[in-house]
C-alpha atoms as a PDB file:
ATOM      1  CA  MET A   1    -106.567  45.926  18.258  1.00  0.00           C
ATOM      2  CA  ALA A   2    -105.657  42.289  17.983  1.00  0.00           C
ATOM      3  CA  HIS A   3    -106.252  40.395  14.754  1.00  0.00           C
ATOM      4  CA  PRO A   4    -109.321  37.728  14.890  1.00  0.00           C
ATOM      5  CA  LEU A   5    -108.034  34.557  16.006  1.00  0.00           C
ATOM      6  CA  VAL A   6    -108.902  31.448  13.790  1.00  0.00           C
ATOM      7  CA  LEU A   7    -108.350  27.805  15.300  1.00  0.00           C
ATOM      8  CA  THR A   8    -107.419  25.533  12.629  1.00  0.00           C
ATOM      9  CA  THR A   9    -106.964  21.829  12.617  1.00  0.00           C
ATOM     10  CA  GLY A  10    -105.726  19.290  10.064  1.00  0.00           C
ATOM     11  CA  PHE A  11    -105.330  15.594  10.116  1.00  0.00           C
ATOM     12  CA  GLY A  12    -102.209  13.411   9.884  1.00  0.00           C
ATOM     13  CA  PRO A  13    -101.431  10.453   7.579  1.00  0.00           C
ATOM     14  CA  PHE A  14    -103.869   7.382   7.217  1.00  0.00           C
ATOM     15  CA  GLU A  15    -104.343   4.693   4.824  1.00  0.00           C
ATOM     16  CA  ASP A  16    -102.790   5.393   1.562  1.00  0.00           C
ATOM     17  CA  CYS A  17    -102.497   9.152   2.334  1.00  0.00           C
ATOM     18  CA  GLU A  18     -99.040   9.649   3.590  1.00  0.00           C
ATOM     19  CA  ARG A  19     -98.816  13.279   3.143  1.00  0.00           C
ATOM     20  CA  ASN A  20    -102.178  14.682   4.260  1.00  0.00           C
ATOM     21  CA  PRO A  21    -102.736  18.005   2.625  1.00  0.00           C
ATOM     22  CA  SER A  22    -105.044  19.278   5.520  1.00  0.00           C
ATOM     23  CA  ARG A  23    -102.297  19.113   7.843  1.00  0.00           C
ATOM     24  CA  GLU A  24    -100.044  21.104   5.461  1.00  0.00           C
ATOM     25  CA  VAL A  25    -102.752  23.682   4.905  1.00  0.00           C
ATOM     26  CA  ALA A  26    -103.348  23.940   8.434  1.00  0.00           C
ATOM     27  CA  GLU A  27     -99.676  24.502   9.346  1.00  0.00           C
ATOM     28  CA  ARG A  28     -99.318  26.995   6.283  1.00  0.00           C
ATOM     29  CA  LEU A  29    -102.014  29.091   7.437  1.00  0.00           C
ATOM     30  CA  GLU A  30    -100.393  29.779  10.869  1.00  0.00           C
ATOM     31  CA  ALA A  31     -97.204  30.443   9.031  1.00  0.00           C
ATOM     32  CA  GLU A  32     -98.561  32.620   6.420  1.00  0.00           C
ATOM     33  CA  PRO A  33    -102.238  34.035   7.636  1.00  0.00           C
ATOM     34  CA  ALA A  34    -104.811  35.886   5.750  1.00  0.00           C
ATOM     35  CA  PRO A  35    -104.448  39.668   6.162  1.00  0.00           C
ATOM     36  CA  GLY A  36    -106.060  40.878   9.176  1.00  0.00           C
ATOM     37  CA  LEU A  37    -106.478  37.401  10.681  1.00  0.00           C
ATOM     38  CA  ARG A  38    -104.211  35.146  13.079  1.00  0.00           C
ATOM     39  CA  PHE A  39    -104.464  31.337  12.830  1.00  0.00           C
ATOM     40  CA  VAL A  40    -103.359  28.879  15.372  1.00  0.00           C
ATOM     41  CA  SER A  41    -103.218  25.181  14.188  1.00  0.00           C
ATOM     42  CA  ARG A  42    -103.110  21.794  15.661  1.00  0.00           C
ATOM     43  CA  VAL A  43    -102.669  18.382  13.692  1.00  0.00           C
ATOM     44  CA  LEU A  44    -104.934  15.667  14.840  1.00  0.00           C
ATOM     45  CA  PRO A  45    -104.694  12.041  14.500  1.00  0.00           C
ATOM     46  CA  VAL A  46    -106.871   9.908  12.569  1.00  0.00           C
ATOM     47  CA  SER A  47    -108.459   8.514  15.424  1.00  0.00           C
ATOM     48  CA  PHE A  48    -111.987   8.211  16.636  1.00  0.00           C
ATOM     49  CA  GLU A  49    -110.911   8.271  20.419  1.00  0.00           C
ATOM     50  CA  ARG A  50    -107.785  10.564  20.332  1.00  0.00           C
ATOM     51  CA  ALA A  51    -108.985  13.281  17.574  1.00  0.00           C
ATOM     52  CA  PRO A  52    -112.010  14.560  19.973  1.00  0.00           C
ATOM     53  CA  ALA A  53    -109.697  14.453  23.015  1.00  0.00           C
ATOM     54  CA  GLU A  54    -107.190  16.466  21.088  1.00  0.00           C
ATOM     55  CA  ILE A  55    -109.802  19.051  20.041  1.00  0.00           C
ATOM     56  CA  ASP A  56    -110.993  19.347  23.848  1.00  0.00           C
ATOM     57  CA  ARG A  57    -107.302  20.143  24.777  1.00  0.00           C
ATOM     58  CA  PHE A  58    -106.973  22.850  22.043  1.00  0.00           C
ATOM     59  CA  LEU A  59    -110.152  24.470  23.002  1.00  0.00           C
ATOM     60  CA  GLU A  60    -109.256  24.295  26.699  1.00  0.00           C
ATOM     61  CA  GLU A  61    -106.012  26.494  25.834  1.00  0.00           C
ATOM     62  CA  TRP A  62    -108.405  29.335  25.086  1.00  0.00           C
ATOM     63  CA  ARG A  63    -110.976  29.103  27.708  1.00  0.00           C
ATOM     64  CA  GLY A  64    -111.105  32.021  30.262  1.00  0.00           C
ATOM     65  CA  LYS A  65    -108.323  33.890  28.161  1.00  0.00           C
ATOM     66  CA  GLU A  66    -108.750  37.620  27.246  1.00  0.00           C
ATOM     67  CA  GLU A  67    -108.621  36.543  23.553  1.00  0.00           C
ATOM     68  CA  GLU A  68    -111.371  34.304  22.372  1.00  0.00           C
ATOM     69  CA  PRO A  69    -111.402  32.644  19.192  1.00  0.00           C
ATOM     70  CA  ALA A  70    -113.562  34.201  16.355  1.00  0.00           C
ATOM     71  CA  LEU A  71    -113.768  30.948  14.247  1.00  0.00           C
ATOM     72  CA  PHE A  72    -112.923  27.243  14.471  1.00  0.00           C
ATOM     73  CA  MET A  73    -112.096  25.976  11.005  1.00  0.00           C
ATOM     74  CA  ALA A  74    -111.459  22.203  10.851  1.00  0.00           C
ATOM     75  CA  LEU A  75    -109.672  20.708   7.633  1.00  0.00           C
ATOM     76  CA  GLY A  76    -109.846  17.229   6.319  1.00  0.00           C
ATOM     77  CA  VAL A  77    -109.153  15.671   2.807  1.00  0.00           C
ATOM     78  CA  GLN A  78    -111.687  14.026   0.653  1.00  0.00           C
ATOM     79  CA  ARG A  79    -110.960  11.668  -2.343  1.00  0.00           C
ATOM     80  CA  ASP A  80    -112.522  13.961  -4.973  1.00  0.00           C
ATOM     81  CA  PRO A  81    -111.495  17.512  -6.648  1.00  0.00           C
ATOM     82  CA  GLY A  82    -112.893  20.602  -5.038  1.00  0.00           C
ATOM     83  CA  TYR A  83    -113.892  21.919  -1.687  1.00  0.00           C
ATOM     84  CA  ARG A  84    -116.725  20.562   0.600  1.00  0.00           C
ATOM     85  CA  LEU A  85    -118.157  22.812   3.108  1.00  0.00           C
ATOM     86  CA  GLU A  86    -119.984  20.709   5.617  1.00  0.00           C
ATOM     87  CA  VAL A  87    -123.133  21.767   7.058  1.00  0.00           C
ATOM     88  CA  ARG A  88    -123.861  18.643   9.603  1.00  0.00           C
ATOM     89  CA  ALA A  89    -122.058  16.213  11.806  1.00  0.00           C
ATOM     90  CA  ARG A  90    -124.038  13.218  12.526  1.00  0.00           C
ATOM     91  CA  ALA A  91    -124.292  12.075  16.194  1.00  0.00           C
ATOM     92  CA  ARG A  92    -123.821   8.566  15.034  1.00  0.00           C
ATOM     93  CA  LEU A  93    -121.657   7.348  12.173  1.00  0.00           C
ATOM     94  CA  LEU A  94    -123.981   5.269  10.063  1.00  0.00           C
ATOM     95  CA  ARG A  95    -122.298   4.364   6.853  1.00  0.00           C
ATOM     96  CA  HIS A  96    -118.611   3.459   7.255  1.00  0.00           C
ATOM     97  CA  ASP A  97    -116.765   0.845   9.106  1.00  0.00           C
ATOM     98  CA  ARG A  98    -113.300   1.716   8.257  1.00  0.00           C
ATOM     99  CA  PRO A  99    -110.807   1.303  10.900  1.00  0.00           C
ATOM    100  CA  ASP A 100    -108.767   4.202  12.276  1.00  0.00           C
ATOM    101  CA  THR A 101    -105.024   4.484  12.335  1.00  0.00           C
ATOM    102  CA  ASP A 102    -105.279   2.820  15.960  1.00  0.00           C
ATOM    103  CA  GLY A 103    -107.161  -0.201  14.265  1.00  0.00           C
ATOM    104  CA  VAL A 104    -110.468   0.728  15.798  1.00  0.00           C
ATOM    105  CA  HIS A 105    -113.707   0.828  13.977  1.00  0.00           C
ATOM    106  CA  ALA A 106    -116.638   3.397  14.747  1.00  0.00           C
ATOM    107  CA  VAL A 107    -118.733   0.737  16.036  1.00  0.00           C
ATOM    108  CA  GLU A 108    -116.176  -0.156  18.392  1.00  0.00           C
ATOM    109  CA  ALA A 109    -115.698   3.480  19.646  1.00  0.00           C
ATOM    110  CA  GLY A 110    -119.369   3.386  20.190  1.00  0.00           C
ATOM    111  CA  LEU A 111    -120.044   5.808  17.397  1.00  0.00           C
ATOM    112  CA  ARG A 112    -122.039   3.596  14.931  1.00  0.00           C
ATOM    113  CA  ASP A 113    -124.930   1.743  16.509  1.00  0.00           C
ATOM    114  CA  GLY A 114    -125.123   3.212  19.951  1.00  0.00           C
ATOM    115  CA  PRO A 115    -126.674   6.550  20.609  1.00  0.00           C
ATOM    116  CA  ARG A 116    -124.633   9.389  21.328  1.00  0.00           C
ATOM    117  CA  ASP A 117    -125.686  12.362  23.430  1.00  0.00           C
ATOM    118  CA  GLY A 118    -127.846  14.792  21.802  1.00  0.00           C
ATOM    119  CA  PRO A 119    -129.047  15.355  18.171  1.00  0.00           C
ATOM    120  CA  ASP A 120    -127.092  15.917  15.019  1.00  0.00           C
ATOM    121  CA  ARG A 121    -124.928  19.215  14.954  1.00  0.00           C
ATOM    122  CA  PHE A 122    -124.995  21.998  12.512  1.00  0.00           C
ATOM    123  CA  THR A 123    -122.823  24.864  11.612  1.00  0.00           C
ATOM    124  CA  THR A 124    -124.346  28.217  12.496  1.00  0.00           C
ATOM    125  CA  LEU A 125    -122.718  29.798   9.366  1.00  0.00           C
ATOM    126  CA  ASP A 126    -124.748  30.487   5.982  1.00  0.00           C
ATOM    127  CA  LEU A 127    -122.567  28.125   3.928  1.00  0.00           C
ATOM    128  CA  GLU A 128    -124.650  28.798   0.719  1.00  0.00           C
ATOM    129  CA  GLU A 129    -123.692  32.549   1.179  1.00  0.00           C
ATOM    130  CA  LEU A 130    -120.077  31.611   1.754  1.00  0.00           C
ATOM    131  CA  VAL A 131    -120.000  29.501  -1.384  1.00  0.00           C
ATOM    132  CA  ARG A 132    -121.381  32.315  -3.359  1.00  0.00           C
ATOM    133  CA  ALA A 133    -118.639  34.371  -1.860  1.00  0.00           C
ATOM    134  CA  LEU A 134    -116.148  32.114  -3.047  1.00  0.00           C
ATOM    135  CA  ARG A 135    -117.255  31.819  -6.515  1.00  0.00           C
ATOM    136  CA  HIS A 136    -116.891  35.778  -6.834  1.00  0.00           C
ATOM    137  CA  ARG A 137    -113.334  35.113  -6.035  1.00  0.00           C
ATOM    138  CA  GLY A 138    -113.184  32.428  -8.733  1.00  0.00           C
ATOM    139  CA  VAL A 139    -113.312  29.310  -6.629  1.00  0.00           C
ATOM    140  CA  ASN A 140    -115.810  27.347  -8.682  1.00  0.00           C
ATOM    141  CA  ASP A 141    -115.291  23.894  -7.182  1.00  0.00           C
ATOM    142  CA  ALA A 142    -116.560  24.859  -3.796  1.00  0.00           C
ATOM    143  CA  VAL A 143    -119.910  23.096  -2.601  1.00  0.00           C
ATOM    144  CA  VAL A 144    -122.160  23.020   0.188  1.00  0.00           C
ATOM    145  CA  SER A 145    -122.079  19.204   1.685  1.00  0.00           C
ATOM    146  CA  HIS A 146    -124.651  17.600   3.980  1.00  0.00           C
ATOM    147  CA  ASP A 147    -122.551  14.270   4.396  1.00  0.00           C
ATOM    148  CA  ALA A 148    -119.239  14.776   6.231  1.00  0.00           C
ATOM    149  CA  GLY A 149    -118.290  11.405   5.300  1.00  0.00           C
ATOM    150  CA  GLY A 150    -118.975   9.082   8.549  1.00  0.00           C
ATOM    151  CA  TYR A 151    -115.350   8.758   9.121  1.00  0.00           C
ATOM    152  CA  VAL A 152    -113.061  10.397  11.673  1.00  0.00           C
ATOM    153  CA  CYS A 153    -113.739  13.642   9.962  1.00  0.00           C
ATOM    154  CA  GLU A 154    -117.383  13.616  10.924  1.00  0.00           C
ATOM    155  CA  CYS A 155    -116.516  12.385  14.455  1.00  0.00           C
ATOM    156  CA  ALA A 156    -114.136  15.441  15.010  1.00  0.00           C
ATOM    157  CA  TYR A 157    -116.676  17.862  13.257  1.00  0.00           C
ATOM    158  CA  PHE A 158    -119.264  16.750  16.003  1.00  0.00           C
ATOM    159  CA  ARG A 159    -116.945  17.320  18.796  1.00  0.00           C
ATOM    160  CA  VAL A 160    -115.908  20.956  17.276  1.00  0.00           C
ATOM    161  CA  LEU A 161    -119.802  21.865  16.881  1.00  0.00           C
ATOM    162  CA  GLU A 162    -120.683  20.428  20.353  1.00  0.00           C
ATOM    163  CA  ARG A 163    -117.861  22.256  22.253  1.00  0.00           C
ATOM    164  CA  VAL A 164    -118.216  25.641  20.671  1.00  0.00           C
ATOM    165  CA  SER A 165    -121.962  25.940  20.970  1.00  0.00           C
ATOM    166  CA  ASP A 166    -121.679  27.656  24.242  1.00  0.00           C
ATOM    167  CA  ARG A 167    -118.502  29.586  23.494  1.00  0.00           C
ATOM    168  CA  GLY A 168    -119.987  32.232  21.264  1.00  0.00           C
ATOM    169  CA  PHE A 169    -118.133  31.701  18.146  1.00  0.00           C
ATOM    170  CA  SER A 170    -118.791  29.681  14.970  1.00  0.00           C
ATOM    171  CA  ALA A 171    -117.159  26.614  13.334  1.00  0.00           C
ATOM    172  CA  LEU A 172    -117.067  24.792  10.095  1.00  0.00           C
ATOM    173  CA  PHE A 173    -115.499  21.899   8.526  1.00  0.00           C
ATOM    174  CA  VAL A 174    -113.763  22.019   5.093  1.00  0.00           C
ATOM    175  CA  HIS A 175    -112.964  18.966   3.044  1.00  0.00           C
ATOM    176  CA  VAL A 176    -109.960  19.889   0.863  1.00  0.00           C
ATOM    177  CA  PRO A 177    -108.970  17.828  -2.362  1.00  0.00           C
ATOM    178  CA  PRO A 178    -105.931  15.610  -2.767  1.00  0.00           C
ATOM    179  CA  GLU A 179    -102.858  17.434  -4.105  1.00  0.00           C
ATOM    180  CA  ARG A 180    -103.130  15.807  -7.498  1.00  0.00           C
ATOM    181  CA  PHE A 181    -106.287  18.033  -7.935  1.00  0.00           C
ATOM    182  CA  ALA A 182    -104.942  21.005  -6.402  1.00  0.00           C
ATOM    183  CA  PRO A 183    -101.559  22.048  -5.119  1.00  0.00           C
ATOM    184  CA  VAL A 184    -101.245  22.969  -1.321  1.00  0.00           C
ATOM    185  CA  GLU A 185    -100.644  26.817  -2.320  1.00  0.00           C
ATOM    186  CA  ARG A 186    -104.037  26.879  -4.013  1.00  0.00           C
ATOM    187  CA  GLN A 187    -105.600  25.089  -1.146  1.00  0.00           C
ATOM    188  CA  VAL A 188    -103.941  27.526   1.416  1.00  0.00           C
ATOM    189  CA  GLU A 189    -105.390  30.523  -0.808  1.00  0.00           C
ATOM    190  CA  VAL A 190    -108.934  29.153  -0.955  1.00  0.00           C
ATOM    191  CA  CYS A 191    -108.893  28.358   2.993  1.00  0.00           C
ATOM    192  CA  ARG A 192    -107.752  31.991   3.666  1.00  0.00           C
ATOM    193  CA  TRP A 193    -110.723  33.221   1.894  1.00  0.00           C
ATOM    194  CA  ILE A 194    -113.054  30.823   3.432  1.00  0.00           C
ATOM    195  CA  ALA A 195    -111.915  32.010   7.008  1.00  0.00           C
ATOM    196  CA  MET A 196    -112.043  35.756   5.678  1.00  0.00           C
ATOM    197  CA  GLU A 197    -115.558  35.435   4.226  1.00  0.00           C
ATOM    198  CA  ALA A 198    -116.908  33.504   7.189  1.00  0.00           C
ATOM    199  CA  LEU A 199    -115.930  36.494   9.418  1.00  0.00           C
ATOM    200  CA  SER A 200    -116.758  39.229   7.310  1.00  0.00           C
END
């Protein structure tokens, strides 16, 4: 029997983050998966327009295939220590006006002031239970978050939740810490556990 498939994304460099740990973790998960799971990863550009398009292409690769993904786990980096498991992706990015790596602001991409189709999107996973399971494993710096940041991470998460809603599998977004707070090896370990617990 085939191992459950987890689709994983991380982001490339942006602003002062030349080595994005979310990319490193996503690639390491594919190369060194959790026992009993299989990971396939993609790296997303930090772009309001190109990241959602890349997510669409990634998901289309698996449409109609005999093997359906079991989980989509998107990763991004935050500025603080710890792991933030995101409950919601807003339909409109209300707070930030930082340009992406293409020099485009959310307002220019139509994601800040103009309405987007549909309401905010929410993961179907019980993240409170997932955090409790992580704490049993000694991960005491994982929290449930209701604010995905208002930047490209939230834009990408909205697209993921939108696209998986009719596909029969769950999705979540995890903000990992900068490497100065946790080495990539530890982040990989925690993200393996997140996937395992999400599918248990």
